[in-house]
N, C-alpha and C. Protein backbone atom coordinates (compact mmCIF):
# COMPACT_ATOMS: atom_id res chain seq x y z
N MET A 1 -22.11 38.26 6.89
CA MET A 1 -22.74 37.32 7.66
C MET A 1 -24.05 36.92 8.10
N ARG A 2 -24.68 35.89 8.29
CA ARG A 2 -26.11 35.47 9.40
C ARG A 2 -25.85 35.65 10.18
N ALA A 3 -26.94 35.91 10.91
CA ALA A 3 -27.32 35.99 11.75
C ALA A 3 -26.25 34.57 13.25
N LYS A 4 -26.94 33.70 12.78
CA LYS A 4 -26.46 32.46 13.22
C LYS A 4 -24.96 32.04 13.46
N ASP A 5 -24.29 32.31 11.63
CA ASP A 5 -23.07 32.74 11.74
C ASP A 5 -22.10 33.38 12.52
N ILE A 6 -23.08 34.56 12.89
CA ILE A 6 -22.22 35.54 13.61
C ILE A 6 -22.54 35.48 15.48
N CYS A 7 -23.42 34.03 15.79
CA CYS A 7 -23.64 33.72 16.89
C CYS A 7 -22.32 32.28 17.44
N GLN A 8 -22.40 31.83 16.13
CA GLN A 8 -21.52 30.72 16.85
C GLN A 8 -19.67 31.06 16.28
N ALA A 9 -19.32 32.79 15.79
CA ALA A 9 -18.18 33.38 15.67
C ALA A 9 -18.12 33.65 17.47
N LEU A 10 -18.74 34.82 18.18
CA LEU A 10 -18.81 35.21 19.04
C LEU A 10 -19.01 34.22 20.27
N GLY A 11 -19.28 32.88 19.82
CA GLY A 11 -19.23 31.89 20.77
C GLY A 11 -20.85 31.85 21.86
N THR A 12 -21.97 32.82 21.23
CA THR A 12 -22.95 32.55 22.63
C THR A 12 -24.31 31.70 21.40
N GLY A 13 -25.00 31.60 22.32
CA GLY A 13 -26.14 30.24 22.10
C GLY A 13 -26.27 30.49 20.86
N THR A 14 -27.02 29.03 19.77
CA THR A 14 -27.35 29.72 18.23
C THR A 14 -28.74 28.70 18.58
N THR A 15 -29.20 28.88 19.22
CA THR A 15 -30.46 28.72 19.78
C THR A 15 -31.35 29.88 18.92
N ALA A 16 -33.05 29.50 18.65
CA ALA A 16 -33.02 30.52 18.00
C ALA A 16 -33.76 31.50 18.62
N ARG A 17 -34.07 31.84 19.83
CA ARG A 17 -34.12 32.86 20.73
C ARG A 17 -32.75 33.80 20.60
N ASP A 18 -31.69 33.38 21.16
CA ASP A 18 -30.27 33.55 20.47
C ASP A 18 -30.10 34.59 19.12
N THR A 19 -30.28 33.65 18.31
CA THR A 19 -30.20 34.12 16.72
C THR A 19 -30.95 35.57 16.68
N GLU A 20 -32.37 35.25 16.89
CA GLU A 20 -33.40 36.22 17.14
C GLU A 20 -33.30 37.74 17.57
N ASN A 21 -32.77 37.54 19.04
CA ASN A 21 -32.00 39.15 19.73
C ASN A 21 -30.85 39.13 19.20
N LEU A 22 -29.72 38.30 18.79
CA LEU A 22 -28.86 39.00 17.31
C LEU A 22 -28.92 39.58 16.52
N ARG A 23 -30.68 39.12 15.94
CA ARG A 23 -30.50 39.70 14.60
C ARG A 23 -31.16 41.53 15.01
N ALA A 24 -32.03 41.19 15.61
CA ALA A 24 -32.33 42.90 16.43
C ALA A 24 -31.88 43.74 16.28
N LYS A 25 -30.44 42.83 16.88
CA LYS A 25 -29.28 43.80 17.21
C LYS A 25 -28.58 44.45 15.90
N LEU A 26 -28.44 43.36 14.86
CA LEU A 26 -28.56 43.24 14.04
C LEU A 26 -29.18 44.79 12.96
N LYS A 27 -30.28 44.45 13.72
CA LYS A 27 -31.33 45.40 11.79
C LYS A 27 -30.76 47.24 12.89
N ARG A 28 -30.81 47.14 14.10
CA ARG A 28 -30.82 48.43 14.42
C ARG A 28 -29.67 48.89 13.98
N LEU A 29 -28.76 47.87 14.09
CA LEU A 29 -27.22 48.90 13.38
C LEU A 29 -27.23 48.66 11.83
N VAL A 30 -28.10 48.61 11.30
CA VAL A 30 -28.69 48.52 10.05
C VAL A 30 -29.33 49.97 10.02
N ALA A 31 -29.97 50.34 10.62
CA ALA A 31 -30.69 51.37 10.86
C ALA A 31 -29.86 52.44 11.07
N ARG A 32 -28.89 52.60 11.98
CA ARG A 32 -27.47 53.77 12.31
C ARG A 32 -26.64 53.46 11.30
N GLN A 33 -26.96 52.77 10.21
CA GLN A 33 -25.89 53.32 8.84
C GLN A 33 -24.54 52.38 9.31
N ILE A 34 -24.39 51.49 10.39
CA ILE A 34 -22.64 50.82 10.56
C ILE A 34 -22.85 49.63 9.74
N LEU A 35 -23.92 49.13 9.70
CA LEU A 35 -24.15 47.48 8.64
C LEU A 35 -25.54 48.05 7.34
N THR A 36 -24.99 47.26 7.04
CA THR A 36 -26.13 47.47 5.32
C THR A 36 -26.25 45.46 5.55
N GLU A 37 -27.35 45.45 4.95
CA GLU A 37 -28.19 44.27 4.58
C GLU A 37 -28.57 43.99 3.17
N PRO A 38 -27.55 44.19 2.39
CA PRO A 38 -27.43 43.79 1.00
C PRO A 38 -29.10 42.77 0.77
N GLU A 39 -28.88 41.22 1.53
CA GLU A 39 -30.26 40.80 1.53
C GLU A 39 -30.60 40.09 2.26
N ALA A 40 -32.02 40.18 2.68
CA ALA A 40 -32.55 39.33 3.72
C ALA A 40 -31.62 38.72 4.43
N GLY A 41 -31.74 39.10 5.71
CA GLY A 41 -30.79 37.91 6.36
C GLY A 41 -29.42 38.40 6.49
N LEU A 42 -28.68 38.80 5.54
CA LEU A 42 -27.30 38.61 5.38
C LEU A 42 -26.70 40.01 5.63
N PHE A 43 -26.27 40.44 6.32
CA PHE A 43 -25.57 40.96 7.03
C PHE A 43 -24.09 41.89 7.01
N THR A 44 -23.58 42.98 6.33
CA THR A 44 -22.39 43.79 5.96
C THR A 44 -21.78 44.40 6.02
N LEU A 45 -20.55 45.60 6.95
CA LEU A 45 -20.24 46.34 7.24
C LEU A 45 -20.38 47.26 6.45
N ALA A 46 -20.92 48.78 6.35
CA ALA A 46 -21.25 49.40 5.63
C ALA A 46 -20.11 50.05 5.27
N PRO A 47 -19.96 50.46 3.94
CA PRO A 47 -18.77 51.33 3.24
C PRO A 47 -18.31 52.74 4.37
N PRO A 48 -16.74 52.87 4.58
CA PRO A 48 -16.99 53.87 5.24
C PRO A 48 -17.42 55.43 4.54
N SER A 49 -18.06 56.20 5.86
CA SER A 49 -18.92 57.51 5.10
C SER A 49 -17.46 59.03 4.66
N ALA A 50 -17.56 59.17 3.69
CA ALA A 50 -17.08 60.35 3.64
C ALA A 50 -16.82 61.57 4.07
């Protein structure tokens, strides 16, 4: 999902500020390997580790 779509699903604001704040949080989750970013701006859950 894209950051703006996640903002809408969570019911938070969809202004540029809100979207960028969420995108920063999503990037941190990518760094912790909880999410993956297969292409720029598109976030998905990471596959479970064995």
